[in-house]
Amino acid sequence: MNSTIYLPSELIVNSDGSIYHLGLRPEQLADTVIVVGDPERVPMISRYFEHVEYRLHKREFVTHTGTYRDTRMTVISSGMGTDNVEILMTELDALANIDLEKRLPKSSPKRLRIVRVGTSGSIHAGVPVGSLLASAVGVGIDTLMCFYDYDTPQEQGLKAAMQQLKQHLSLPFEPYAATASPKLRELFSDLLQGVTLTCPGFYAPQGRELRAPARLKDWLQRLQSFEYEGLRLTNLEMETAGYYAMAHMLGHDMISLNAILADRINGIFAAKPQELVEELIVYTLNKLAT
């Protein structure tokens, strides 16, 4: 057992015994967790619960824990971007696997089941607007893993592809890659499977340009044209790769599910985006409760 005592400046616990940013205590976290970016999406999901035990709100982290078809679940918002994902995943893991009073790791690590329910834009002809996609692989161009000793067998298997992607996109750093949990990929195997690019922004990093000039004018074309030994990018968003890499390092099962709202290549947006998100929510809840 790791006997490291985490210092008060490193593991920050609020006066009520809750973890610093999330404002949660260990008993308020279920073993099955649905993560969303938008805080307003939390009640959209929890309204399907038969019973809600806890409703908490701190910063952009809104949390509802309750029961759906006899399965206890927590739904929590992260806000946008992998910087928030890093905080969320680290503190969820601390709630599950660190004794916050003793500041020591627990003797038996717990493996959380975490599912992202989000939206995304397609850059692949085989992923039309209106489809639901499970990210088999997350590819990050956000630099988060530059600060972690991230080295898993899954990432090593994709190393050559990431080196090629760095050259193809003219990046000053090497992207990272991580895979979804095999167990959760099997659970959601009836969805389209894709390779999701996680970007460090919504506008220029995803090929959009308003008044601020983008550096690479052919960015979307570069993303769409990348191919390495059958691996092609299918869709864009802002969190998945960070979730996957953190889950691998911390020992949790993780998958990202995407409602495809936009076709970025042809400039098409879903006519009824809210209905598509609702479809993904209900689908996810029913799968997790089986």
Protein backbone atom coordinates (compact mmCIF):
# COMPACT_ATOMS: atom_id res chain seq x y z
CA MET A 1 0.00 0.00 0.00
CA ASN A 2 1.21 3.51 -0.82
CA SER A 3 1.84 5.25 2.51
CA THR A 4 2.12 8.73 1.00
CA ILE A 5 0.39 11.35 3.13
CA TYR A 6 -1.00 14.05 0.85
CA LEU A 7 -0.21 17.54 2.16
CA PRO A 8 -3.02 20.06 2.79
CA SER A 9 -1.71 22.23 -0.06
CA GLU A 10 -1.93 19.30 -2.52
CA LEU A 11 -5.13 17.57 -1.42
CA ILE A 12 -7.42 20.44 -0.46
CA VAL A 13 -10.43 19.48 1.64
CA ASN A 14 -13.15 21.98 2.50
CA SER A 15 -14.26 22.53 6.10
CA ASP A 16 -17.36 20.36 5.55
CA GLY A 17 -15.19 17.41 4.47
CA SER A 18 -15.83 17.86 0.75
CA ILE A 19 -13.21 17.86 -2.00
CA TYR A 20 -12.02 21.34 -2.99
CA HIS A 21 -13.49 22.15 -6.42
CA LEU A 22 -16.36 19.69 -6.73
CA GLY A 23 -17.73 20.29 -3.23
CA LEU A 24 -18.56 16.58 -2.88
CA ARG A 25 -18.08 14.17 0.00
CA PRO A 26 -17.29 10.50 -0.73
CA GLU A 27 -20.76 9.23 0.17
CA GLN A 28 -22.30 11.61 -2.40
CA LEU A 29 -20.55 9.90 -5.34
CA ALA A 30 -21.99 6.82 -7.07
CA ASP A 31 -19.82 4.18 -8.74
CA THR A 32 -21.51 4.96 -12.09
CA VAL A 33 -20.87 8.54 -13.23
CA ILE A 34 -22.28 10.43 -16.22
CA VAL A 35 -20.21 13.50 -17.11
CA VAL A 36 -21.45 16.40 -19.22
CA GLY A 37 -19.90 19.70 -20.22
CA ASP A 38 -22.93 21.96 -19.82
CA PRO A 39 -24.18 22.44 -16.22
CA GLU A 40 -27.73 22.86 -17.60
CA ARG A 41 -27.56 19.32 -18.97
CA VAL A 42 -27.35 17.82 -15.45
CA PRO A 43 -31.06 18.31 -14.60
CA MET A 44 -31.96 17.17 -18.13
CA ILE A 45 -30.53 13.79 -17.12
CA SER A 46 -31.49 13.61 -13.45
CA ARG A 47 -35.15 14.32 -14.22
CA TYR A 48 -35.29 10.69 -15.37
CA PHE A 49 -34.12 9.45 -11.96
CA GLU A 50 -36.75 7.80 -9.77
CA HIS A 51 -35.08 9.36 -6.74
CA VAL A 52 -32.47 12.12 -6.29
CA GLU A 53 -30.40 11.90 -3.10
CA TYR A 54 -28.12 14.90 -3.56
CA ARG A 55 -28.13 18.14 -5.53
CA LEU A 56 -24.96 20.21 -5.24
CA HIS A 57 -23.52 23.16 -7.15
CA LYS A 58 -20.03 24.62 -6.86
CA ARG A 59 -18.52 26.69 -9.66
CA GLU A 60 -19.26 25.00 -12.99
CA PHE A 61 -19.51 21.62 -11.26
CA VAL A 62 -23.20 20.78 -10.81
CA THR A 63 -23.84 17.34 -9.31
CA HIS A 64 -26.99 15.25 -8.93
CA THR A 65 -26.79 11.74 -7.45
CA GLY A 66 -29.79 9.45 -7.55
CA THR A 67 -31.26 6.19 -8.81
CA TYR A 68 -32.41 5.11 -12.27
CA ARG A 69 -33.97 1.64 -12.58
CA ASP A 70 -32.27 0.45 -9.38
CA THR A 71 -28.84 1.71 -10.52
CA ARG A 72 -27.27 4.45 -8.41
CA MET A 73 -25.74 7.13 -10.62
CA THR A 74 -24.04 10.50 -10.32
CA VAL A 75 -24.37 13.04 -13.11
CA ILE A 76 -21.89 15.93 -12.96
CA SER A 77 -20.88 18.80 -15.22
CA SER A 78 -17.27 19.62 -16.01
CA GLY A 79 -17.51 22.82 -17.98
CA MET A 80 -15.60 22.90 -21.28
CA GLY A 81 -12.06 21.79 -21.98
CA THR A 82 -9.46 19.35 -20.71
CA ASP A 83 -8.28 21.73 -17.98
CA ASN A 84 -11.63 21.19 -16.27
CA VAL A 85 -11.52 17.47 -17.10
CA GLU A 86 -8.21 17.17 -15.23
CA ILE A 87 -9.74 18.71 -12.10
CA LEU A 88 -12.91 16.64 -12.35
CA MET A 89 -11.18 13.29 -12.90
CA THR A 90 -8.54 13.89 -10.23
CA GLU A 91 -11.13 14.83 -7.62
CA LEU A 92 -13.56 12.03 -8.55
CA ASP A 93 -10.67 9.62 -8.09
CA ALA A 94 -9.73 11.21 -4.77
CA LEU A 95 -13.30 10.77 -3.53
CA ALA A 96 -13.20 7.10 -4.53
CA ASN A 97 -9.65 6.15 -3.62
CA ILE A 98 -8.24 8.48 -0.95
CA ASP A 99 -9.24 8.67 2.71
CA LEU A 100 -9.79 12.43 2.90
CA GLU A 101 -9.53 12.52 6.71
CA LYS A 102 -6.29 10.53 6.97
CA ARG A 103 -4.96 11.90 3.65
CA LEU A 104 -3.86 8.40 2.66
CA PRO A 105 -4.67 6.19 -0.35
CA LYS A 106 -7.26 3.53 0.41
CA SER A 107 -5.99 -0.05 0.56
CA SER A 108 -8.40 -1.32 -2.14
CA PRO A 109 -8.72 1.00 -5.17
CA LYS A 110 -12.21 1.44 -6.61
CA ARG A 111 -12.80 1.44 -10.37
CA LEU A 112 -15.45 3.98 -11.35
CA ARG A 113 -17.58 3.57 -14.48
CA ILE A 114 -17.62 6.97 -16.21
CA VAL A 115 -19.54 7.92 -19.36
CA ARG A 116 -19.33 11.28 -21.12
CA VAL A 117 -22.57 12.39 -22.79
CA GLY A 118 -21.73 15.23 -25.14
CA THR A 119 -21.99 16.84 -28.55
CA SER A 120 -19.57 16.88 -31.43
CA GLY A 121 -18.99 17.87 -35.04
CA SER A 122 -18.23 15.38 -37.81
CA ILE A 123 -15.32 15.61 -40.25
CA HIS A 124 -15.94 12.20 -41.84
CA ALA A 125 -18.48 11.25 -44.52
CA GLY A 126 -19.37 8.08 -42.61
CA VAL A 127 -20.52 10.08 -39.57
CA PRO A 128 -23.62 12.05 -40.63
CA VAL A 129 -25.42 14.75 -38.68
CA GLY A 130 -27.99 13.13 -36.41
CA SER A 131 -25.90 10.05 -35.62
CA LEU A 132 -24.69 8.85 -32.22
CA LEU A 133 -21.01 7.93 -31.95
CA ALA A 134 -18.87 6.21 -29.32
CA SER A 135 -15.25 7.34 -29.29
CA ALA A 136 -13.06 4.24 -29.59
CA VAL A 137 -9.98 6.45 -29.46
CA GLY A 138 -9.43 9.99 -28.21
CA VAL A 139 -6.62 12.05 -29.77
CA GLY A 140 -5.53 15.14 -27.86
CA ILE A 141 -3.93 18.27 -29.32
CA ASP A 142 -4.30 20.16 -26.04
CA THR A 143 -0.88 19.54 -24.30
CA LEU A 144 -2.41 18.33 -20.98
CA MET A 145 -0.40 15.11 -21.08
CA CYS A 146 2.85 17.07 -21.44
CA PHE A 147 2.58 17.53 -17.66
CA TYR A 148 1.89 13.89 -16.75
CA ASP A 149 3.98 10.73 -16.87
CA TYR A 150 1.48 9.25 -19.27
CA ASP A 151 2.68 6.04 -20.86
CA THR A 152 0.19 3.23 -21.33
CA PRO A 153 0.32 0.23 -23.70
CA GLN A 154 -2.66 1.66 -25.58
CA GLU A 155 -0.88 4.97 -26.15
CA GLN A 156 2.35 3.24 -27.20
CA GLY A 157 0.44 1.32 -29.86
CA LEU A 158 -0.68 4.65 -31.33
CA LYS A 159 2.69 6.38 -30.96
CA ALA A 160 3.65 6.20 -34.63
CA ALA A 161 0.27 7.60 -35.66
CA MET A 162 0.70 10.54 -33.27
CA GLN A 163 4.15 11.29 -34.68
CA GLN A 164 2.67 11.36 -38.17
CA LEU A 165 -0.22 13.56 -37.00
CA LYS A 166 2.23 16.06 -35.50
CA GLN A 167 3.91 16.43 -38.90
CA HIS A 168 0.64 16.47 -40.83
CA LEU A 169 -0.81 19.28 -38.69
CA SER A 170 2.48 21.22 -38.30
CA LEU A 171 2.17 21.11 -34.51
CA PRO A 172 5.04 22.23 -32.22
CA PHE A 173 4.31 19.31 -29.86
CA GLU A 174 3.29 15.67 -30.20
CA PRO A 175 -0.41 14.81 -29.75
CA TYR A 176 -1.40 12.05 -27.36
CA ALA A 177 -3.91 9.25 -27.76
CA ALA A 178 -5.89 6.99 -25.45
CA THR A 179 -8.56 4.35 -25.90
CA ALA A 180 -11.99 3.79 -24.41
CA SER A 181 -12.56 1.08 -21.82
CA PRO A 182 -13.03 -2.28 -23.61
CA LYS A 183 -15.85 -3.14 -21.21
CA LEU A 184 -17.73 0.06 -22.04
CA ARG A 185 -17.00 -0.22 -25.76
CA GLU A 186 -18.76 -3.57 -25.65
CA LEU A 187 -21.72 -2.09 -23.76
CA PHE A 188 -22.13 0.65 -26.38
CA SER A 189 -21.10 -1.45 -29.40
CA ASP A 190 -24.33 -0.75 -31.29
CA LEU A 191 -23.25 2.87 -31.86
CA LEU A 192 -20.95 4.15 -34.60
CA GLN A 193 -17.32 3.89 -33.48
CA GLY A 194 -14.92 6.74 -34.15
CA VAL A 195 -11.58 8.42 -33.53
CA THR A 196 -12.32 11.69 -31.77
CA LEU A 197 -10.01 14.71 -31.91
CA THR A 198 -9.97 16.74 -28.70
CA CYS A 199 -9.19 20.39 -29.40
CA PRO A 200 -8.04 23.17 -26.99
CA GLY A 201 -10.73 25.58 -28.14
CA PHE A 202 -13.94 25.95 -30.13
CA TYR A 203 -12.96 28.42 -32.84
CA ALA A 204 -9.52 28.32 -34.52
CA PRO A 205 -8.55 24.93 -32.98
CA GLN A 206 -11.64 23.47 -34.68
CA GLY A 207 -11.18 25.34 -37.95
CA ARG A 208 -13.54 28.24 -37.27
CA GLU A 209 -12.59 31.83 -38.01
CA LEU A 210 -14.54 34.97 -37.14
CA ARG A 211 -12.59 38.22 -36.57
CA ALA A 212 -9.40 36.78 -35.03
CA PRO A 213 -7.25 35.34 -37.84
CA ALA A 214 -6.52 31.61 -37.77
CA ARG A 215 -2.91 30.55 -38.45
CA LEU A 216 -3.72 27.54 -40.64
CA LYS A 217 -6.40 28.30 -43.22
CA ASP A 218 -6.61 24.68 -44.38
CA TRP A 219 -6.99 23.22 -40.87
CA LEU A 220 -10.21 21.28 -41.48
CA GLN A 221 -8.84 19.87 -44.72
CA ARG A 222 -5.71 18.70 -42.89
CA LEU A 223 -7.79 17.02 -40.21
CA GLN A 224 -10.07 15.33 -42.74
CA SER A 225 -7.20 14.10 -44.92
CA PHE A 226 -5.10 12.53 -42.15
CA GLU A 227 -4.77 8.74 -42.42
CA TYR A 228 -2.26 6.36 -40.87
CA GLU A 229 -2.62 2.59 -41.26
CA GLY A 230 -6.40 2.86 -41.40
CA LEU A 231 -6.71 5.37 -38.56
CA ARG A 232 -8.70 8.47 -39.55
CA LEU A 233 -10.18 11.27 -37.47
CA THR A 234 -13.97 11.24 -37.42
CA ASN A 235 -15.16 14.08 -35.18
CA LEU A 236 -14.11 17.09 -33.10
CA GLU A 237 -14.84 18.18 -29.52
CA MET A 238 -12.98 19.45 -26.43
CA GLU A 239 -12.76 16.80 -23.67
CA THR A 240 -12.60 13.14 -24.74
CA ALA A 241 -8.83 12.52 -24.98
CA GLY A 242 -8.28 14.14 -21.60
CA TYR A 243 -10.92 11.90 -20.05
CA TYR A 244 -9.40 8.77 -21.60
CA ALA A 245 -5.82 9.54 -20.60
CA MET A 246 -6.79 10.44 -17.02
CA ALA A 247 -8.95 7.31 -16.76
CA HIS A 248 -6.05 5.11 -17.88
CA MET A 249 -3.67 6.66 -15.35
CA LEU A 250 -6.17 6.49 -12.48
CA GLY A 251 -7.59 3.06 -13.27
CA HIS A 252 -11.21 3.84 -14.19
CA ASP A 253 -13.50 2.65 -17.01
CA MET A 254 -14.33 5.52 -19.36
CA ILE A 255 -16.12 6.08 -22.65
CA SER A 256 -17.25 9.20 -24.51
CA LEU A 257 -20.60 9.24 -26.35
CA ASN A 258 -21.32 11.96 -28.89
CA ALA A 259 -24.45 13.37 -30.47
CA ILE A 260 -23.26 14.57 -33.89
CA LEU A 261 -24.78 18.03 -34.31
CA ALA A 262 -22.64 19.42 -37.13
CA ASP A 263 -21.09 18.37 -40.44
CA ARG A 264 -18.05 20.64 -40.47
CA ILE A 265 -16.98 19.77 -44.00
CA ASN A 266 -20.31 20.66 -45.63
CA GLY A 267 -21.39 23.36 -43.15
CA ILE A 268 -24.55 21.57 -41.97
CA PHE A 269 -26.04 21.80 -38.46
CA ALA A 270 -28.73 19.55 -36.96
CA ALA A 271 -32.29 20.85 -37.43
CA LYS A 272 -33.37 19.58 -33.98
CA PRO A 273 -30.23 19.41 -31.81
CA GLN A 274 -32.07 19.20 -28.50
CA GLU A 275 -34.03 16.14 -29.61
CA LEU A 276 -30.80 14.40 -30.60
CA VAL A 277 -29.19 15.13 -27.23
CA GLU A 278 -32.33 13.84 -25.50
CA GLU A 279 -32.13 10.64 -27.54
CA LEU A 280 -28.53 10.12 -26.42
CA ILE A 281 -29.42 10.76 -22.77
CA VAL A 282 -32.23 8.19 -22.69
CA TYR A 283 -30.16 5.65 -24.62
CA THR A 284 -27.24 6.05 -22.19
CA LEU A 285 -29.37 5.75 -19.06
CA ASN A 286 -31.03 2.57 -20.31
CA LYS A 287 -27.68 1.00 -21.22
CA LEU A 288 -26.14 1.80 -17.84
CA ALA A 289 -29.15 0.39 -15.99
CA THR A 290 -29.05 -3.00 -17.76
